[in-house]
Amino acid sequence: MAGSGAPHVEASGAGLSVAIVAASWHEEIMSALIAGACQACAEAGAASVEVIRVPGSFELPVACARVAGRVDAVVALGTVIRGGTPHFDYVSAGVTHGLMRVSLDSGTPVGFGVLTCDTIEQARDRSGAPGSSESKGREAAQAAIATAAALASR
């Protein structure tokens, strides 16, 4: 299981503004990811949370780049399911590199909640939906908030 060995991440988000940028493909999965991220933000005490929807995962980096300068943390959520063509590889790599660039260029933490799975069942199991074993939306928000809190204390 991918979650094996994961750290317990908990930090106060008091006073922090968070943008959750979420793709629209696979709405069932996305709804669960967004719910998990919003719950983590609420539990951390984030001062404000804005949810921004974009068409697909490939659009996440540009949308995150646009909001990174005006919030303390960004959470990027998407789902890319492997198909029979190299499209999966191009989208997954492009999104991963793009989001890393946003984080480094802006200095704003970007929580990576983009599921890159072989099957829709794997995505459901990581989405935080009832019966799933993990909540990657929640984990991405916790990571972004904890990083923003750590950077603010420096």
N, C-alpha and C. Protein backbone atom coordinates (compact mmCIF):
# COMPACT_ATOMS: atom_id res chain seq x y z
N MET A 1 0.84 -1.18 0.00
CA MET A 1 0.00 0.00 0.00
C MET A 1 0.88 1.23 0.00
N ALA A 2 0.52 2.19 -0.81
CA ALA A 2 1.32 3.41 -0.95
C ALA A 2 1.40 4.21 0.34
N GLY A 3 0.39 4.13 1.20
CA GLY A 3 0.35 4.92 2.43
C GLY A 3 1.26 4.40 3.52
N SER A 4 1.86 3.25 3.32
CA SER A 4 2.73 2.66 4.32
C SER A 4 3.93 3.56 4.57
N GLY A 5 4.17 3.88 5.84
CA GLY A 5 5.30 4.72 6.19
C GLY A 5 5.04 6.21 6.11
N ALA A 6 3.81 6.60 5.81
CA ALA A 6 3.48 8.02 5.69
C ALA A 6 3.59 8.70 7.05
N PRO A 7 4.09 9.94 7.07
CA PRO A 7 4.20 10.66 8.33
C PRO A 7 2.84 11.15 8.80
N HIS A 8 2.73 11.40 10.08
CA HIS A 8 1.54 12.06 10.61
C HIS A 8 1.79 13.56 10.45
N VAL A 9 1.01 14.19 9.59
CA VAL A 9 1.21 15.61 9.30
C VAL A 9 0.08 16.39 9.94
N GLU A 10 0.45 17.29 10.82
CA GLU A 10 -0.54 18.14 11.47
C GLU A 10 0.10 19.48 11.75
N ALA A 11 -0.55 20.53 11.32
CA ALA A 11 -0.04 21.88 11.57
C ALA A 11 -1.21 22.83 11.64
N SER A 12 -1.02 23.92 12.35
CA SER A 12 -2.05 24.94 12.42
C SER A 12 -2.05 25.76 11.14
N GLY A 13 -3.22 25.92 10.60
CA GLY A 13 -3.38 26.77 9.43
C GLY A 13 -4.02 28.09 9.79
N ALA A 14 -4.03 28.40 11.09
CA ALA A 14 -4.66 29.63 11.55
C ALA A 14 -4.08 30.84 10.82
N GLY A 15 -4.94 31.62 10.24
CA GLY A 15 -4.51 32.81 9.53
C GLY A 15 -4.10 32.57 8.09
N LEU A 16 -4.03 31.32 7.67
CA LEU A 16 -3.56 31.02 6.31
C LEU A 16 -4.71 31.05 5.30
N SER A 17 -4.39 31.49 4.10
CA SER A 17 -5.33 31.41 2.98
C SER A 17 -4.89 30.27 2.08
N VAL A 18 -5.86 29.47 1.65
CA VAL A 18 -5.57 28.28 0.85
C VAL A 18 -6.44 28.29 -0.40
N ALA A 19 -5.84 27.98 -1.53
CA ALA A 19 -6.59 27.79 -2.77
C ALA A 19 -6.52 26.31 -3.13
N ILE A 20 -7.67 25.71 -3.35
CA ILE A 20 -7.75 24.32 -3.82
C ILE A 20 -8.10 24.40 -5.29
N VAL A 21 -7.18 23.95 -6.13
CA VAL A 21 -7.39 23.98 -7.58
C VAL A 21 -7.62 22.54 -8.02
N ALA A 22 -8.80 22.28 -8.59
CA ALA A 22 -9.20 20.90 -8.87
C ALA A 22 -9.66 20.72 -10.31
N ALA A 23 -9.21 19.64 -10.90
CA ALA A 23 -9.63 19.27 -12.24
C ALA A 23 -11.08 18.77 -12.21
N SER A 24 -11.68 18.61 -13.37
CA SER A 24 -13.08 18.20 -13.45
C SER A 24 -13.29 16.78 -13.97
N TRP A 25 -12.29 16.16 -14.55
CA TRP A 25 -12.45 14.79 -15.02
C TRP A 25 -12.68 13.86 -13.84
N HIS A 26 -13.52 12.84 -14.01
CA HIS A 26 -13.82 11.83 -12.99
C HIS A 26 -14.43 12.48 -11.75
N GLU A 27 -15.61 13.06 -11.94
CA GLU A 27 -16.25 13.88 -10.91
C GLU A 27 -16.45 13.14 -9.58
N GLU A 28 -16.77 11.88 -9.62
CA GLU A 28 -16.94 11.12 -8.37
C GLU A 28 -15.64 11.14 -7.55
N ILE A 29 -14.53 10.91 -8.20
CA ILE A 29 -13.22 10.92 -7.54
C ILE A 29 -12.89 12.33 -7.08
N MET A 30 -13.12 13.29 -7.96
CA MET A 30 -12.77 14.68 -7.64
C MET A 30 -13.58 15.22 -6.46
N SER A 31 -14.84 14.88 -6.40
CA SER A 31 -15.67 15.34 -5.27
C SER A 31 -15.11 14.85 -3.95
N ALA A 32 -14.66 13.60 -3.92
CA ALA A 32 -14.09 13.05 -2.69
C ALA A 32 -12.75 13.72 -2.36
N LEU A 33 -11.92 13.95 -3.37
CA LEU A 33 -10.63 14.62 -3.14
C LEU A 33 -10.85 16.03 -2.60
N ILE A 34 -11.78 16.76 -3.20
CA ILE A 34 -12.07 18.13 -2.75
C ILE A 34 -12.61 18.12 -1.32
N ALA A 35 -13.51 17.21 -1.02
CA ALA A 35 -14.08 17.13 0.33
C ALA A 35 -12.98 16.87 1.36
N GLY A 36 -12.06 15.97 1.04
CA GLY A 36 -10.96 15.68 1.96
C GLY A 36 -10.06 16.88 2.17
N ALA A 37 -9.76 17.60 1.09
CA ALA A 37 -8.92 18.79 1.20
C ALA A 37 -9.61 19.88 2.01
N CYS A 38 -10.89 20.09 1.75
CA CYS A 38 -11.64 21.11 2.50
C CYS A 38 -11.72 20.75 3.98
N GLN A 39 -11.92 19.48 4.28
CA GLN A 39 -11.99 19.03 5.67
C GLN A 39 -10.65 19.29 6.38
N ALA A 40 -9.55 18.97 5.70
CA ALA A 40 -8.22 19.20 6.30
C ALA A 40 -7.99 20.69 6.55
N CYS A 41 -8.42 21.53 5.62
CA CYS A 41 -8.26 22.98 5.80
C CYS A 41 -9.08 23.46 6.99
N ALA A 42 -10.30 22.97 7.11
CA ALA A 42 -11.15 23.37 8.23
C ALA A 42 -10.56 22.92 9.56
N GLU A 43 -10.09 21.68 9.61
CA GLU A 43 -9.50 21.15 10.85
C GLU A 43 -8.24 21.90 11.24
N ALA A 44 -7.50 22.39 10.25
CA ALA A 44 -6.26 23.13 10.53
C ALA A 44 -6.56 24.58 10.91
N GLY A 45 -7.79 25.02 10.70
CA GLY A 45 -8.15 26.39 11.06
C GLY A 45 -7.78 27.42 10.02
N ALA A 46 -7.70 27.01 8.75
CA ALA A 46 -7.37 27.97 7.69
C ALA A 46 -8.36 29.13 7.71
N ALA A 47 -7.84 30.33 7.52
CA ALA A 47 -8.67 31.54 7.56
C ALA A 47 -9.60 31.63 6.36
N SER A 48 -9.12 31.19 5.19
CA SER A 48 -9.96 31.21 4.00
C SER A 48 -9.56 30.06 3.08
N VAL A 49 -10.57 29.52 2.41
CA VAL A 49 -10.36 28.43 1.45
C VAL A 49 -11.19 28.75 0.22
N GLU A 50 -10.53 28.78 -0.91
CA GLU A 50 -11.19 29.02 -2.20
C GLU A 50 -11.01 27.80 -3.07
N VAL A 51 -12.10 27.30 -3.66
CA VAL A 51 -12.03 26.16 -4.57
C VAL A 51 -12.19 26.68 -5.99
N ILE A 52 -11.24 26.33 -6.84
CA ILE A 52 -11.23 26.75 -8.23
C ILE A 52 -11.23 25.49 -9.09
N ARG A 53 -12.17 25.39 -10.01
CA ARG A 53 -12.25 24.22 -10.88
C ARG A 53 -11.69 24.56 -12.26
N VAL A 54 -10.94 23.62 -12.83
CA VAL A 54 -10.41 23.73 -14.19
C VAL A 54 -10.82 22.47 -14.95
N PRO A 55 -10.75 22.50 -16.29
CA PRO A 55 -11.23 21.35 -17.05
C PRO A 55 -10.53 20.03 -16.72
N GLY A 56 -9.20 20.02 -16.77
CA GLY A 56 -8.48 18.76 -16.55
C GLY A 56 -7.20 18.96 -15.78
N SER A 57 -6.50 17.87 -15.54
CA SER A 57 -5.26 17.93 -14.77
C SER A 57 -4.18 18.73 -15.47
N PHE A 58 -4.16 18.71 -16.80
CA PHE A 58 -3.14 19.44 -17.53
C PHE A 58 -3.23 20.95 -17.31
N GLU A 59 -4.43 21.42 -16.94
CA GLU A 59 -4.63 22.85 -16.69
C GLU A 59 -4.28 23.26 -15.26
N LEU A 60 -3.98 22.31 -14.40
CA LEU A 60 -3.67 22.63 -13.01
C LEU A 60 -2.47 23.58 -12.84
N PRO A 61 -1.34 23.33 -13.51
CA PRO A 61 -0.19 24.22 -13.27
C PRO A 61 -0.45 25.70 -13.56
N VAL A 62 -1.11 26.02 -14.66
CA VAL A 62 -1.33 27.43 -14.98
C VAL A 62 -2.29 28.06 -13.99
N ALA A 63 -3.31 27.34 -13.58
CA ALA A 63 -4.25 27.88 -12.60
C ALA A 63 -3.57 28.05 -11.24
N CYS A 64 -2.77 27.08 -10.86
CA CYS A 64 -2.04 27.19 -9.58
C CYS A 64 -1.05 28.34 -9.62
N ALA A 65 -0.40 28.54 -10.76
CA ALA A 65 0.55 29.65 -10.90
C ALA A 65 -0.15 30.99 -10.73
N ARG A 66 -1.36 31.09 -11.26
CA ARG A 66 -2.10 32.35 -11.18
C ARG A 66 -2.47 32.69 -9.74
N VAL A 67 -2.83 31.69 -8.92
CA VAL A 67 -3.26 31.98 -7.56
C VAL A 67 -2.14 31.93 -6.53
N ALA A 68 -1.01 31.34 -6.88
CA ALA A 68 0.07 31.13 -5.90
C ALA A 68 0.56 32.42 -5.27
N GLY A 69 0.54 33.49 -5.99
CA GLY A 69 1.05 34.75 -5.45
C GLY A 69 0.12 35.45 -4.49
N ARG A 70 -1.13 34.99 -4.39
CA ARG A 70 -2.07 35.69 -3.52
C ARG A 70 -2.61 34.84 -2.38
N VAL A 71 -2.10 33.61 -2.22
CA VAL A 71 -2.49 32.75 -1.10
C VAL A 71 -1.24 32.21 -0.42
N ASP A 72 -1.43 31.66 0.77
CA ASP A 72 -0.31 31.08 1.51
C ASP A 72 0.02 29.66 1.09
N ALA A 73 -0.97 28.94 0.58
CA ALA A 73 -0.77 27.55 0.17
C ALA A 73 -1.76 27.20 -0.93
N VAL A 74 -1.32 26.32 -1.82
CA VAL A 74 -2.16 25.84 -2.92
C VAL A 74 -2.25 24.33 -2.81
N VAL A 75 -3.43 23.79 -3.11
CA VAL A 75 -3.62 22.35 -3.16
C VAL A 75 -4.08 22.01 -4.57
N ALA A 76 -3.31 21.19 -5.27
CA ALA A 76 -3.64 20.80 -6.64
C ALA A 76 -4.23 19.38 -6.62
N LEU A 77 -5.44 19.24 -7.17
CA LEU A 77 -6.12 17.95 -7.16
C LEU A 77 -6.52 17.55 -8.58
N GLY A 78 -6.24 16.32 -8.92
CA GLY A 78 -6.61 15.82 -10.24
C GLY A 78 -6.56 14.30 -10.27
N THR A 79 -7.04 13.75 -11.36
CA THR A 79 -7.02 12.30 -11.56
C THR A 79 -6.65 12.01 -13.00
N VAL A 80 -5.60 11.21 -13.18
CA VAL A 80 -5.18 10.79 -14.51
C VAL A 80 -5.17 9.26 -14.50
N ILE A 81 -6.00 8.65 -15.35
CA ILE A 81 -6.12 7.20 -15.40
C ILE A 81 -5.40 6.69 -16.65
N ARG A 82 -4.55 5.69 -16.48
CA ARG A 82 -3.79 5.13 -17.59
C ARG A 82 -4.73 4.56 -18.65
N GLY A 83 -4.43 4.82 -19.88
CA GLY A 83 -5.19 4.26 -21.00
C GLY A 83 -4.26 3.47 -21.89
N GLY A 84 -4.65 3.29 -23.11
CA GLY A 84 -3.87 2.48 -24.03
C GLY A 84 -2.89 3.26 -24.89
N THR A 85 -2.72 4.55 -24.60
CA THR A 85 -1.80 5.38 -25.38
C THR A 85 -0.82 6.08 -24.44
N PRO A 86 0.22 6.71 -24.99
CA PRO A 86 1.18 7.43 -24.15
C PRO A 86 0.62 8.71 -23.52
N HIS A 87 -0.61 9.08 -23.80
CA HIS A 87 -1.22 10.29 -23.26
C HIS A 87 -1.05 10.37 -21.74
N PHE A 88 -1.24 9.27 -21.05
CA PHE A 88 -1.09 9.22 -19.59
C PHE A 88 0.29 9.71 -19.16
N ASP A 89 1.31 9.22 -19.84
CA ASP A 89 2.68 9.58 -19.49
C ASP A 89 2.94 11.07 -19.70
N TYR A 90 2.45 11.61 -20.81
CA TYR A 90 2.66 13.03 -21.11
C TYR A 90 1.93 13.92 -20.10
N VAL A 91 0.68 13.59 -19.82
CA VAL A 91 -0.10 14.41 -18.89
C VAL A 91 0.48 14.31 -17.48
N SER A 92 0.76 13.09 -17.02
CA SER A 92 1.30 12.91 -15.67
C SER A 92 2.62 13.65 -15.48
N ALA A 93 3.52 13.50 -16.43
CA ALA A 93 4.82 14.17 -16.33
C ALA A 93 4.67 15.68 -16.43
N GLY A 94 3.83 16.15 -17.36
CA GLY A 94 3.65 17.59 -17.52
C GLY A 94 3.06 18.24 -16.28
N VAL A 95 2.06 17.60 -15.70
CA VAL A 95 1.43 18.15 -14.49
C VAL A 95 2.42 18.14 -13.33
N THR A 96 3.13 17.05 -13.15
CA THR A 96 4.08 16.94 -12.04
C THR A 96 5.17 18.01 -12.15
N HIS A 97 5.76 18.12 -13.32
CA HIS A 97 6.82 19.12 -13.51
C HIS A 97 6.26 20.54 -13.41
N GLY A 98 5.08 20.75 -13.97
CA GLY A 98 4.49 22.09 -13.92
C GLY A 98 4.19 22.54 -12.50
N LEU A 99 3.63 21.64 -11.69
CA LEU A 99 3.32 22.01 -10.31
C LEU A 99 4.57 22.23 -9.48
N MET A 100 5.61 21.44 -9.73
CA MET A 100 6.88 21.67 -9.03
C MET A 100 7.43 23.04 -9.40
N ARG A 101 7.33 23.38 -10.66
CA ARG A 101 7.82 24.69 -11.11
C ARG A 101 7.04 25.82 -10.45
N VAL A 102 5.72 25.66 -10.35
CA VAL A 102 4.90 26.68 -9.69
C VAL A 102 5.38 26.88 -8.26
N SER A 103 5.59 25.80 -7.55
CA SER A 103 6.01 25.89 -6.16
C SER A 103 7.37 26.56 -6.03
N LEU A 104 8.32 26.14 -6.84
CA LEU A 104 9.67 26.71 -6.76
C LEU A 104 9.72 28.16 -7.23
N ASP A 105 9.03 28.47 -8.32
CA ASP A 105 9.06 29.83 -8.86
C ASP A 105 8.34 30.83 -7.97
N SER A 106 7.26 30.39 -7.33
CA SER A 106 6.47 31.31 -6.51
C SER A 106 6.88 31.32 -5.04
N GLY A 107 7.52 30.24 -4.60
CA GLY A 107 7.82 30.10 -3.18
C GLY A 107 6.60 29.74 -2.35
N THR A 108 5.52 29.42 -3.01
CA THR A 108 4.28 29.03 -2.34
C THR A 108 4.17 27.50 -2.34
N PRO A 109 3.93 26.89 -1.18
CA PRO A 109 3.78 25.44 -1.15
C PRO A 109 2.59 24.99 -2.00
N VAL A 110 2.81 23.93 -2.78
CA VAL A 110 1.75 23.34 -3.59
C VAL A 110 1.61 21.88 -3.14
N GLY A 111 0.49 21.57 -2.53
CA GLY A 111 0.21 20.19 -2.13
C GLY A 111 -0.17 19.39 -3.36
N PHE A 112 0.50 18.27 -3.56
CA PHE A 112 0.31 17.46 -4.77
C PHE A 112 -0.72 16.37 -4.51
N GLY A 113 -1.93 16.60 -4.98
CA GLY A 113 -3.01 15.63 -4.83
C GLY A 113 -3.51 15.15 -6.18
N VAL A 114 -2.58 14.88 -7.08
CA VAL A 114 -2.94 14.40 -8.41
C VAL A 114 -2.75 12.88 -8.42
N LEU A 115 -3.86 12.16 -8.56
CA LEU A 115 -3.80 10.71 -8.61
C LEU A 115 -3.38 10.27 -10.01
N THR A 116 -2.37 9.45 -10.09
CA THR A 116 -1.94 8.88 -11.37
C THR A 116 -2.04 7.37 -11.21
N CYS A 117 -3.15 6.83 -11.68
CA CYS A 117 -3.49 5.44 -11.40
C CYS A 117 -3.68 4.63 -12.68
N ASP A 118 -3.54 3.32 -12.53
CA ASP A 118 -3.77 2.41 -13.65
C ASP A 118 -5.26 2.20 -13.91
N THR A 119 -6.07 2.25 -12.84
CA THR A 119 -7.49 1.96 -12.97
C THR A 119 -8.32 2.96 -12.16
N ILE A 120 -9.58 3.07 -12.52
CA ILE A 120 -10.49 3.92 -11.77
C ILE A 120 -10.67 3.38 -10.36
N GLU A 121 -10.60 2.08 -10.17
CA GLU A 121 -10.72 1.49 -8.84
C GLU A 121 -9.58 1.94 -7.93
N GLN A 122 -8.37 2.01 -8.47
CA GLN A 122 -7.23 2.52 -7.69
C GLN A 122 -7.46 3.97 -7.28
N ALA A 123 -8.00 4.75 -8.19
CA ALA A 123 -8.28 6.15 -7.89
C ALA A 123 -9.33 6.27 -6.79
N ARG A 124 -10.41 5.48 -6.89
CA ARG A 124 -11.44 5.50 -5.84
C ARG A 124 -10.84 5.16 -4.49
N ASP A 125 -9.94 4.18 -4.45
CA ASP A 125 -9.37 3.73 -3.19
C ASP A 125 -8.46 4.78 -2.56
N ARG A 126 -8.03 5.77 -3.33
CA ARG A 126 -7.15 6.81 -2.82
C ARG A 126 -7.85 8.16 -2.66
N SER A 127 -9.13 8.19 -3.05
CA SER A 127 -9.86 9.46 -3.13
C SER A 127 -10.42 9.97 -1.82
N GLY A 128 -10.57 9.11 -0.84
CA GLY A 128 -11.22 9.52 0.41
C GLY A 128 -12.71 9.28 0.40
N ALA A 129 -13.22 8.67 -0.66
CA ALA A 129 -14.65 8.33 -0.71
C ALA A 129 -14.94 7.26 0.35
N PRO A 130 -16.19 7.13 0.76
CA PRO A 130 -16.52 6.10 1.75
C PRO A 130 -15.99 4.73 1.32
N GLY A 131 -15.31 4.05 2.24
CA GLY A 131 -14.75 2.74 1.95
C GLY A 131 -13.35 2.75 1.36
N SER A 132 -12.82 3.94 1.06
CA SER A 132 -11.47 4.01 0.49
C SER A 132 -10.43 3.88 1.60
N SER A 133 -9.23 3.49 1.20
CA SER A 133 -8.17 3.27 2.20
C SER A 133 -7.33 4.52 2.45
N GLU A 134 -7.39 5.51 1.56
CA GLU A 134 -6.59 6.72 1.70
C GLU A 134 -7.41 7.93 1.27
N SER A 135 -6.95 9.10 1.68
CA SER A 135 -7.57 10.36 1.25
C SER A 135 -6.45 11.29 0.79
N LYS A 136 -6.11 11.17 -0.47
CA LYS A 136 -5.00 11.97 -1.01
C LYS A 136 -5.32 13.46 -1.06
N GLY A 137 -6.58 13.84 -1.17
CA GLY A 137 -6.95 15.26 -1.11
C GLY A 137 -6.65 15.82 0.27
N ARG A 138 -7.00 15.07 1.28
CA ARG A 138 -6.72 15.47 2.66
C ARG A 138 -5.21 15.56 2.89
N GLU A 139 -4.48 14.55 2.44
CA GLU A 139 -3.03 14.53 2.63
C GLU A 139 -2.35 15.69 1.92
N ALA A 140 -2.81 16.02 0.71
CA ALA A 140 -2.22 17.13 -0.05
C ALA A 140 -2.45 18.45 0.66
N ALA A 141 -3.64 18.64 1.21
CA ALA A 141 -3.93 19.88 1.94
C ALA A 141 -3.11 19.95 3.22
N GLN A 142 -3.00 18.85 3.94
CA GLN A 142 -2.20 18.84 5.16
C GLN A 142 -0.74 19.17 4.85
N ALA A 143 -0.21 18.62 3.77
CA ALA A 143 1.19 18.87 3.40
C ALA A 143 1.40 20.34 3.03
N ALA A 144 0.47 20.91 2.27
CA ALA A 144 0.61 22.32 1.87
C ALA A 144 0.53 23.23 3.08
N ILE A 145 -0.41 22.97 3.99
CA ILE A 145 -0.56 23.80 5.18
C ILE A 145 0.65 23.66 6.10
N ALA A 146 1.10 22.43 6.31
CA ALA A 146 2.27 22.22 7.18
C ALA A 146 3.52 22.89 6.62
N THR A 147 3.68 22.86 5.31
CA THR A 147 4.84 23.51 4.69
C THR A 147 4.73 25.02 4.79
N ALA A 148 3.53 25.56 4.56
CA ALA A 148 3.34 27.01 4.69
C ALA A 148 3.61 27.45 6.13
N ALA A 149 3.15 26.66 7.09
CA ALA A 149 3.39 26.99 8.50
C ALA A 149 4.88 26.93 8.83
N ALA A 150 5.56 25.93 8.31
CA ALA A 150 7.01 25.81 8.56
C ALA A 150 7.77 26.97 7.95
N LEU A 151 7.39 27.37 6.75
CA LEU A 151 8.08 28.49 6.10
C LEU A 151 7.78 29.82 6.78
N ALA A 152 6.56 29.97 7.30
CA ALA A 152 6.19 31.21 7.97
C ALA A 152 6.97 31.40 9.26
N SER A 153 7.40 30.30 9.87
CA SER A 153 8.12 30.40 11.14
C SER A 153 9.63 30.63 10.93
N ARG A 154 10.06 30.74 9.69
CA ARG A 154 11.49 30.94 9.39
C ARG A 154 11.81 32.39 9.15
